[in-house]
């Protein structure tokens, strides 16, 4: 979770993933797609040949709000995709 940045206005979590090859990028995106379908949560995604930028929007009207445990859990599940990819 330490690589995710919590931002405000609007409240969100952001992270950049970098890969050695396009194939690894594509594999990560495929796994991410399956996870998102399973969780029914869909981050904003931008990507290039060897990187993926993710933004998890946090539903909150409160300006002093923080990411919830569920938001952080989802971010950790995404992080785990990297570990699974390298197996």
PDB file of N, CA and C in Angstrom:
ATOM      1  N   UNK A   1       0.826  -1.189   0.000  1.00  0.00           N
ATOM      2  CA  UNK A   1       0.000   0.000   0.000  1.00  0.00           C
ATOM      3  C   UNK A   1       0.867   1.247   0.000  1.00  0.00           C
ATOM      4  N   UNK A   2       2.137   1.119   0.385  1.00  0.00           N
ATOM      5  CA  UNK A   2       2.995   2.294   0.527  1.00  0.00           C
ATOM      6  C   UNK A   2       3.296   2.988  -0.805  1.00  0.00           C
ATOM      7  N   UNK A   3       3.111   2.312  -1.917  1.00  0.00           N
ATOM      8  CA  UNK A   3       3.375   2.923  -3.218  1.00  0.00           C
ATOM      9  C   UNK A   3       2.168   3.686  -3.760  1.00  0.00           C
ATOM     10  N   UNK A   4       1.033   3.544  -3.113  1.00  0.00           N
ATOM     11  CA  UNK A   4      -0.166   4.285  -3.508  1.00  0.00           C
ATOM     12  C   UNK A   4      -0.106   5.666  -2.877  1.00  0.00           C
ATOM     13  N   UNK A   5      -0.493   6.669  -3.645  1.00  0.00           N
ATOM     14  CA  UNK A   5      -0.541   8.041  -3.147  1.00  0.00           C
ATOM     15  C   UNK A   5      -2.001   8.433  -2.915  1.00  0.00           C
ATOM     16  N   UNK A   6      -2.294   8.930  -1.737  1.00  0.00           N
ATOM     17  CA  UNK A   6      -3.644   9.413  -1.467  1.00  0.00           C
ATOM     18  C   UNK A   6      -3.689  10.899  -1.810  1.00  0.00           C
ATOM     19  N   UNK A   7      -4.623  11.268  -2.665  1.00  0.00           N
ATOM     20  CA  UNK A   7      -4.770  12.647  -3.124  1.00  0.00           C
ATOM     21  C   UNK A   7      -6.137  13.169  -2.706  1.00  0.00           C
ATOM     22  N   UNK A   8      -6.248  14.486  -2.684  1.00  0.00           N
ATOM     23  CA  UNK A   8      -7.545  15.089  -2.348  1.00  0.00           C
ATOM     24  C   UNK A   8      -8.044  15.936  -3.506  1.00  0.00           C
ATOM     25  N   UNK A   9      -9.306  16.274  -3.431  1.00  0.00           N
ATOM     26  CA  UNK A   9      -9.969  17.166  -4.400  1.00  0.00           C
ATOM     27  C   UNK A   9      -9.876  16.693  -5.828  1.00  0.00           C
ATOM     28  N   UNK A  10     -10.499  15.679  -6.251  1.00  0.00           N
ATOM     29  CA  UNK A  10     -11.319  14.759  -5.461  1.00  0.00           C
ATOM     30  C   UNK A  10     -10.445  13.706  -4.774  1.00  0.00           C
ATOM     31  N   UNK A  11     -10.984  13.158  -3.708  1.00  0.00           N
ATOM     32  CA  UNK A  11     -10.277  12.133  -2.949  1.00  0.00           C
ATOM     33  C   UNK A  11     -10.074  10.907  -3.827  1.00  0.00           C
ATOM     34  N   UNK A  12      -8.820  10.407  -3.875  1.00  0.00           N
ATOM     35  CA  UNK A  12      -8.497   9.267  -4.732  1.00  0.00           C
ATOM     36  C   UNK A  12      -7.175   8.649  -4.295  1.00  0.00           C
ATOM     37  N   UNK A  13      -6.952   7.414  -4.734  1.00  0.00           N
ATOM     38  CA  UNK A  13      -5.670   6.729  -4.582  1.00  0.00           C
ATOM     39  C   UNK A  13      -5.072   6.577  -5.970  1.00  0.00           C
ATOM     40  N   UNK A  14      -3.768   6.821  -6.094  1.00  0.00           N
ATOM     41  CA  UNK A  14      -3.096   6.718  -7.393  1.00  0.00           C
ATOM     42  C   UNK A  14      -1.824   5.894  -7.260  1.00  0.00           C
ATOM     43  N   UNK A  15      -1.525   5.173  -8.329  1.00  0.00           N
ATOM     44  CA  UNK A  15      -0.274   4.415  -8.371  1.00  0.00           C
ATOM     45  C   UNK A  15       0.141   4.181  -9.814  1.00  0.00           C
ATOM     46  N   UNK A  16       1.450   4.176 -10.041  1.00  0.00           N
ATOM     47  CA  UNK A  16       2.025   3.854 -11.344  1.00  0.00           C
ATOM     48  C   UNK A  16       2.749   2.520 -11.214  1.00  0.00           C
ATOM     49  N   UNK A  17       2.467   1.619 -12.145  1.00  0.00           N
ATOM     50  CA  UNK A  17       3.141   0.326 -12.226  1.00  0.00           C
ATOM     51  C   UNK A  17       4.020   0.352 -13.472  1.00  0.00           C
ATOM     52  N   UNK A  18       5.254  -0.094 -13.356  1.00  0.00           N
ATOM     53  CA  UNK A  18       6.157  -0.129 -14.499  1.00  0.00           C
ATOM     54  C   UNK A  18       6.589  -1.569 -14.754  1.00  0.00           C
ATOM     55  N   UNK A  19       6.750  -1.892 -16.040  1.00  0.00           N
ATOM     56  CA  UNK A  19       7.055  -3.258 -16.466  1.00  0.00           C
ATOM     57  C   UNK A  19       8.224  -3.250 -17.444  1.00  0.00           C
ATOM     58  N   UNK A  20       8.893  -4.374 -17.536  1.00  0.00           N
ATOM     59  CA  UNK A  20      10.054  -4.491 -18.420  1.00  0.00           C
ATOM     60  C   UNK A  20       9.659  -4.632 -19.890  1.00  0.00           C
ATOM     61  N   UNK A  21       8.487  -5.220 -20.137  1.00  0.00           N
ATOM     62  CA  UNK A  21       8.079  -5.470 -21.525  1.00  0.00           C
ATOM     63  C   UNK A  21       6.593  -5.172 -21.711  1.00  0.00           C
ATOM     64  N   UNK A  22       6.208  -5.024 -22.950  1.00  0.00           N
ATOM     65  CA  UNK A  22       4.796  -4.824 -23.284  1.00  0.00           C
ATOM     66  C   UNK A  22       3.986  -6.055 -22.877  1.00  0.00           C
ATOM     67  N   UNK A  23       4.549  -7.240 -23.063  1.00  0.00           N
ATOM     68  CA  UNK A  23       3.843  -8.474 -22.705  1.00  0.00           C
ATOM     69  C   UNK A  23       3.479  -8.494 -21.216  1.00  0.00           C
ATOM     70  N   UNK A  24       4.409  -8.065 -20.364  1.00  0.00           N
ATOM     71  CA  UNK A  24       4.122  -8.020 -18.924  1.00  0.00           C
ATOM     72  C   UNK A  24       3.049  -6.977 -18.610  1.00  0.00           C
ATOM     73  N   UNK A  25       3.084  -5.856 -19.315  1.00  0.00           N
ATOM     74  CA  UNK A  25       2.051  -4.830 -19.144  1.00  0.00           C
ATOM     75  C   UNK A  25       0.690  -5.394 -19.504  1.00  0.00           C
ATOM     76  N   UNK A  26       0.630  -6.053 -20.633  1.00  0.00           N
ATOM     77  CA  UNK A  26      -0.635  -6.627 -21.108  1.00  0.00           C
ATOM     78  C   UNK A  26      -1.133  -7.706 -20.148  1.00  0.00           C
ATOM     79  N   UNK A  27      -0.241  -8.552 -19.648  1.00  0.00           N
ATOM     80  CA  UNK A  27      -0.633  -9.597 -18.694  1.00  0.00           C
ATOM     81  C   UNK A  27      -1.221  -8.978 -17.423  1.00  0.00           C
ATOM     82  N   UNK A  28      -0.585  -7.918 -16.935  1.00  0.00           N
ATOM     83  CA  UNK A  28      -1.093  -7.229 -15.751  1.00  0.00           C
ATOM     84  C   UNK A  28      -2.491  -6.673 -16.008  1.00  0.00           C
ATOM     85  N   UNK A  29      -2.675  -6.037 -17.159  1.00  0.00           N
ATOM     86  CA  UNK A  29      -3.987  -5.469 -17.497  1.00  0.00           C
ATOM     87  C   UNK A  29      -5.060  -6.552 -17.608  1.00  0.00           C
ATOM     88  N   UNK A  30      -4.699  -7.710 -18.152  1.00  0.00           N
ATOM     89  CA  UNK A  30      -5.656  -8.822 -18.231  1.00  0.00           C
ATOM     90  C   UNK A  30      -6.068  -9.281 -16.828  1.00  0.00           C
ATOM     91  N   UNK A  31      -5.089  -9.431 -15.929  1.00  0.00           N
ATOM     92  CA  UNK A  31      -5.391  -9.852 -14.556  1.00  0.00           C
ATOM     93  C   UNK A  31      -6.193  -8.779 -13.827  1.00  0.00           C
ATOM     94  N   UNK A  32      -5.853  -7.524 -14.055  1.00  0.00           N
ATOM     95  CA  UNK A  32      -6.573  -6.418 -13.446  1.00  0.00           C
ATOM     96  C   UNK A  32      -8.034  -6.425 -13.903  1.00  0.00           C
ATOM     97  N   UNK A  33      -8.259  -6.663 -15.169  1.00  0.00           N
ATOM     98  CA  UNK A  33      -9.621  -6.719 -15.696  1.00  0.00           C
ATOM     99  C   UNK A  33     -10.449  -7.785 -15.005  1.00  0.00           C
ATOM    100  N   UNK A  34      -9.864  -8.955 -14.793  1.00  0.00           N
ATOM    101  CA  UNK A  34     -10.582 -10.036 -14.113  1.00  0.00           C
ATOM    102  C   UNK A  34     -10.911  -9.660 -12.670  1.00  0.00           C
ATOM    103  N   UNK A  35      -9.939  -9.050 -11.977  1.00  0.00           N
ATOM    104  CA  UNK A  35     -10.162  -8.628 -10.598  1.00  0.00           C
ATOM    105  C   UNK A  35     -11.270  -7.576 -10.530  1.00  0.00           C
ATOM    106  N   UNK A  36     -11.244  -6.626 -11.432  1.00  0.00           N
ATOM    107  CA  UNK A  36     -12.257  -5.567 -11.444  1.00  0.00           C
ATOM    108  C   UNK A  36     -13.653  -6.132 -11.689  1.00  0.00           C
ATOM    109  N   UNK A  37     -13.758  -7.075 -12.604  1.00  0.00           N
ATOM    110  CA  UNK A  37     -15.054  -7.718 -12.852  1.00  0.00           C
ATOM    111  C   UNK A  37     -15.540  -8.449 -11.604  1.00  0.00           C
ATOM    112  N   UNK A  38     -14.629  -9.144 -10.954  1.00  0.00           N
ATOM    113  CA  UNK A  38     -14.987  -9.900  -9.750  1.00  0.00           C
ATOM    114  C   UNK A  38     -15.458  -8.967  -8.635  1.00  0.00           C
ATOM    115  N   UNK A  39     -14.747  -7.867  -8.437  1.00  0.00           N
ATOM    116  CA  UNK A  39     -15.067  -6.926  -7.368  1.00  0.00           C
ATOM    117  C   UNK A  39     -16.117  -5.885  -7.769  1.00  0.00           C
ATOM    118  N   UNK A  40     -16.406  -5.795  -9.070  1.00  0.00           N
ATOM    119  CA  UNK A  40     -17.317  -4.773  -9.593  1.00  0.00           C
ATOM    120  C   UNK A  40     -16.879  -3.366  -9.177  1.00  0.00           C
ATOM    121  N   UNK A  41     -15.587  -3.160  -9.310  1.00  0.00           N
ATOM    122  CA  UNK A  41     -14.987  -1.853  -9.036  1.00  0.00           C
ATOM    123  C   UNK A  41     -14.012  -1.581 -10.169  1.00  0.00           C
ATOM    124  N   UNK A  42     -14.109  -0.397 -10.748  1.00  0.00           N
ATOM    125  CA  UNK A  42     -13.376  -0.124 -11.974  1.00  0.00           C
ATOM    126  C   UNK A  42     -12.578   1.173 -11.855  1.00  0.00           C
ATOM    127  N   UNK A  43     -11.259   1.050 -11.678  1.00  0.00           N
ATOM    128  CA  UNK A  43     -10.425   2.248 -11.562  1.00  0.00           C
ATOM    129  C   UNK A  43     -10.258   2.931 -12.920  1.00  0.00           C
ATOM    130  N   UNK A  44      -9.848   4.185 -12.879  1.00  0.00           N
ATOM    131  CA  UNK A  44      -9.450   4.874 -14.098  1.00  0.00           C
ATOM    132  C   UNK A  44      -8.061   4.353 -14.459  1.00  0.00           C
ATOM    133  N   UNK A  45      -7.877   4.029 -15.740  1.00  0.00           N
ATOM    134  CA  UNK A  45      -6.634   3.408 -16.196  1.00  0.00           C
ATOM    135  C   UNK A  45      -6.075   4.189 -17.377  1.00  0.00           C
ATOM    136  N   UNK A  46      -4.777   4.471 -17.315  1.00  0.00           N
ATOM    137  CA  UNK A  46      -4.061   4.938 -18.503  1.00  0.00           C
ATOM    138  C   UNK A  46      -2.803   4.082 -18.584  1.00  0.00           C
ATOM    139  N   UNK A  47      -2.390   3.779 -19.809  1.00  0.00           N
ATOM    140  CA  UNK A  47      -1.223   2.908 -19.935  1.00  0.00           C
ATOM    141  C   UNK A  47      -0.483   3.181 -21.234  1.00  0.00           C
ATOM    142  N   UNK A  48       0.754   2.734 -21.221  1.00  0.00           N
ATOM    143  CA  UNK A  48       1.605   2.787 -22.398  1.00  0.00           C
ATOM    144  C   UNK A  48       2.281   1.443 -22.542  1.00  0.00           C
ATOM    145  N   UNK A  49       3.320   1.407 -23.326  1.00  0.00           N
ATOM    146  CA  UNK A  49       3.992   0.149 -23.632  1.00  0.00           C
ATOM    147  C   UNK A  49       4.475  -0.583 -22.374  1.00  0.00           C
ATOM    148  N   UNK A  50       5.034   0.149 -21.421  1.00  0.00           N
ATOM    149  CA  UNK A  50       5.611  -0.512 -20.246  1.00  0.00           C
ATOM    150  C   UNK A  50       5.180   0.129 -18.921  1.00  0.00           C
ATOM    151  N   UNK A  51       4.005   0.742 -18.894  1.00  0.00           N
ATOM    152  CA  UNK A  51       3.517   1.306 -17.632  1.00  0.00           C
ATOM    153  C   UNK A  51       1.990   1.300 -17.600  1.00  0.00           C
ATOM    154  N   UNK A  52       1.471   1.332 -16.375  1.00  0.00           N
ATOM    155  CA  UNK A  52       0.031   1.460 -16.144  1.00  0.00           C
ATOM    156  C   UNK A  52      -0.152   2.439 -14.990  1.00  0.00           C
ATOM    157  N   UNK A  53      -0.964   3.460 -15.202  1.00  0.00           N
ATOM    158  CA  UNK A  53      -1.347   4.396 -14.143  1.00  0.00           C
ATOM    159  C   UNK A  53      -2.778   4.086 -13.731  1.00  0.00           C
ATOM    160  N   UNK A  54      -2.993   3.938 -12.418  1.00  0.00           N
ATOM    161  CA  UNK A  54      -4.329   3.646 -11.905  1.00  0.00           C
ATOM    162  C   UNK A  54      -4.771   4.738 -10.946  1.00  0.00           C
ATOM    163  N   UNK A  55      -6.046   5.065 -11.022  1.00  0.00           N
ATOM    164  CA  UNK A  55      -6.663   5.997 -10.076  1.00  0.00           C
ATOM    165  C   UNK A  55      -7.929   5.347  -9.536  1.00  0.00           C
ATOM    166  N   UNK A  56      -7.968   5.185  -8.222  1.00  0.00           N
ATOM    167  CA  UNK A  56      -9.149   4.652  -7.548  1.00  0.00           C
ATOM    168  C   UNK A  56      -9.905   5.827  -6.961  1.00  0.00           C
ATOM    169  N   UNK A  57     -11.077   6.119  -7.506  1.00  0.00           N
ATOM    170  CA  UNK A  57     -11.905   7.202  -6.995  1.00  0.00           C
ATOM    171  C   UNK A  57     -12.549   6.760  -5.689  1.00  0.00           C
ATOM    172  N   UNK A  58     -12.556   7.640  -4.715  1.00  0.00           N
ATOM    173  CA  UNK A  58     -13.140   7.366  -3.408  1.00  0.00           C
ATOM    174  C   UNK A  58     -14.470   8.109  -3.318  1.00  0.00           C
ATOM    175  N   UNK A  59     -15.535   7.395  -3.016  1.00  0.00           N
ATOM    176  CA  UNK A  59     -16.860   8.017  -2.898  1.00  0.00           C
ATOM    177  C   UNK A  59     -16.990   8.683  -1.537  1.00  0.00           C
ATOM    178  N   UNK A  60     -16.823   9.995  -1.525  1.00  0.00           N
ATOM    179  CA  UNK A  60     -16.993  10.733  -0.281  1.00  0.00           C
ATOM    180  C   UNK A  60     -17.238  12.200  -0.586  1.00  0.00           C
ATOM    181  N   UNK A  61     -18.192  12.762   0.100  1.00  0.00           N
ATOM    182  CA  UNK A  61     -18.484  14.191  -0.026  1.00  0.00           C
ATOM    183  C   UNK A  61     -17.696  14.999   0.999  1.00  0.00           C
ATOM    184  N   UNK A  62     -17.207  14.336   2.032  1.00  0.00           N
ATOM    185  CA  UNK A  62     -16.511  15.000   3.125  1.00  0.00           C
ATOM    186  C   UNK A  62     -15.094  15.360   2.712  1.00  0.00           C
ATOM    187  N   UNK A  63     -14.745  16.638   2.803  1.00  0.00           N
ATOM    188  CA  UNK A  63     -13.430  17.113   2.380  1.00  0.00           C
ATOM    189  C   UNK A  63     -12.300  16.531   3.228  1.00  0.00           C
ATOM    190  N   UNK A  64     -12.576  16.212   4.506  1.00  0.00           N
ATOM    191  CA  UNK A  64     -11.556  15.678   5.410  1.00  0.00           C
ATOM    192  C   UNK A  64     -11.525  14.151   5.414  1.00  0.00           C
ATOM    193  N   UNK A  65     -12.253  13.538   4.525  1.00  0.00           N
ATOM    194  CA  UNK A  65     -12.358  12.082   4.480  1.00  0.00           C
ATOM    195  C   UNK A  65     -11.048  11.446   4.023  1.00  0.00           C
ATOM    196  N   UNK A  66     -10.901  10.163   4.327  1.00  0.00           N
ATOM    197  CA  UNK A  66      -9.745   9.385   3.893  1.00  0.00           C
ATOM    198  C   UNK A  66     -10.240   8.122   3.206  1.00  0.00           C
ATOM    199  N   UNK A  67      -9.322   7.458   2.530  1.00  0.00           N
ATOM    200  CA  UNK A  67      -9.653   6.186   1.894  1.00  0.00           C
ATOM    201  C   UNK A  67     -10.086   5.185   2.964  1.00  0.00           C
ATOM    202  N   UNK A  68     -11.129   4.425   2.659  1.00  0.00           N
ATOM    203  CA  UNK A  68     -11.653   3.444   3.613  1.00  0.00           C
ATOM    204  C   UNK A  68     -10.804   2.174   3.593  1.00  0.00           C
ATOM    205  N   UNK A  69     -11.063   1.296   4.540  1.00  0.00           N
ATOM    206  CA  UNK A  69     -10.385   0.003   4.574  1.00  0.00           C
ATOM    207  C   UNK A  69     -10.686  -0.796   3.301  1.00  0.00           C
ATOM    208  N   UNK A  70     -11.926  -0.685   2.786  1.00  0.00           N
ATOM    209  CA  UNK A  70     -12.281  -1.390   1.548  1.00  0.00           C
ATOM    210  C   UNK A  70     -11.486  -0.863   0.355  1.00  0.00           C
ATOM    211  N   UNK A  71     -11.277   0.451   0.319  1.00  0.00           N
ATOM    212  CA  UNK A  71     -10.470   1.045  -0.748  1.00  0.00           C
ATOM    213  C   UNK A  71      -9.038   0.532  -0.673  1.00  0.00           C
ATOM    214  N   UNK A  72      -8.489   0.508   0.527  1.00  0.00           N
ATOM    215  CA  UNK A  72      -7.104   0.051   0.718  1.00  0.00           C
ATOM    216  C   UNK A  72      -6.977  -1.442   0.431  1.00  0.00           C
ATOM    217  N   UNK A  73      -7.994  -2.205   0.799  1.00  0.00           N
ATOM    218  CA  UNK A  73      -8.000  -3.645   0.517  1.00  0.00           C
ATOM    219  C   UNK A  73      -7.970  -3.901  -0.997  1.00  0.00           C
ATOM    220  N   UNK A  74      -8.756  -3.142  -1.741  1.00  0.00           N
ATOM    221  CA  UNK A  74      -8.774  -3.280  -3.195  1.00  0.00           C
ATOM    222  C   UNK A  74      -7.402  -2.918  -3.778  1.00  0.00           C
ATOM    223  N   UNK A  75      -6.792  -1.855  -3.272  1.00  0.00           N
ATOM    224  CA  UNK A  75      -5.458  -1.461  -3.731  1.00  0.00           C
ATOM    225  C   UNK A  75      -4.442  -2.582  -3.453  1.00  0.00           C
ATOM    226  N   UNK A  76      -4.533  -3.215  -2.297  1.00  0.00           N
ATOM    227  CA  UNK A  76      -3.617  -4.310  -1.968  1.00  0.00           C
ATOM    228  C   UNK A  76      -3.856  -5.524  -2.860  1.00  0.00           C
ATOM    229  N   UNK A  77      -5.115  -5.773  -3.233  1.00  0.00           N
ATOM    230  CA  UNK A  77      -5.413  -6.861  -4.162  1.00  0.00           C
ATOM    231  C   UNK A  77      -4.774  -6.590  -5.525  1.00  0.00           C
ATOM    232  N   UNK A  78      -4.802  -5.325  -5.940  1.00  0.00           N
ATOM    233  CA  UNK A  78      -4.154  -4.958  -7.204  1.00  0.00           C
ATOM    234  C   UNK A  78      -2.644  -5.161  -7.081  1.00  0.00           C
ATOM    235  N   UNK A  79      -2.063  -4.729  -5.962  1.00  0.00           N
ATOM    236  CA  UNK A  79      -0.623  -4.934  -5.739  1.00  0.00           C
ATOM    237  C   UNK A  79      -0.257  -6.411  -5.825  1.00  0.00           C
ATOM    238  N   UNK A  80      -1.124  -7.268  -5.308  1.00  0.00           N
ATOM    239  CA  UNK A  80      -0.856  -8.710  -5.303  1.00  0.00           C
ATOM    240  C   UNK A  80      -0.793  -9.281  -6.723  1.00  0.00           C
ATOM    241  N   UNK A  81      -1.397  -8.626  -7.688  1.00  0.00           N
ATOM    242  CA  UNK A  81      -1.330  -9.095  -9.067  1.00  0.00           C
ATOM    243  C   UNK A  81       0.098  -9.097  -9.580  1.00  0.00           C
ATOM    244  N   UNK A  82       0.903  -8.184  -9.106  1.00  0.00           N
ATOM    245  CA  UNK A  82       2.315  -8.127  -9.514  1.00  0.00           C
ATOM    246  C   UNK A  82       3.040  -9.365  -9.011  1.00  0.00           C
ATOM    247  N   UNK A  83       2.797  -9.731  -7.748  1.00  0.00           N
ATOM    248  CA  UNK A  83       3.418 -10.930  -7.181  1.00  0.00           C
ATOM    249  C   UNK A  83       2.998 -12.179  -7.922  1.00  0.00           C
ATOM    250  N   UNK A  84       1.699 -12.266  -8.274  1.00  0.00           N
ATOM    251  CA  UNK A  84       1.197 -13.433  -8.999  1.00  0.00           C
ATOM    252  C   UNK A  84       1.790 -13.496 -10.396  1.00  0.00           C
ATOM    253  N   UNK A  85       1.977 -12.324 -11.026  1.00  0.00           N
ATOM    254  CA  UNK A  85       2.530 -12.244 -12.374  1.00  0.00           C
ATOM    255  C   UNK A  85       3.954 -12.794 -12.428  1.00  0.00           C
ATOM    256  N   UNK A  86       4.714 -12.580 -11.343  1.00  0.00           N
ATOM    257  CA  UNK A  86       6.123 -12.980 -11.380  1.00  0.00           C
ATOM    258  C   UNK A  86       6.341 -14.445 -11.046  1.00  0.00           C
ATOM    259  N   UNK A  87       5.266 -15.145 -10.670  1.00  0.00           N
ATOM    260  CA  UNK A  87       5.394 -16.598 -10.358  1.00  0.00           C
ATOM    261  C   UNK A  87       5.610 -17.427 -11.610  1.00  0.00           C
TER     262      UNK A  87
END
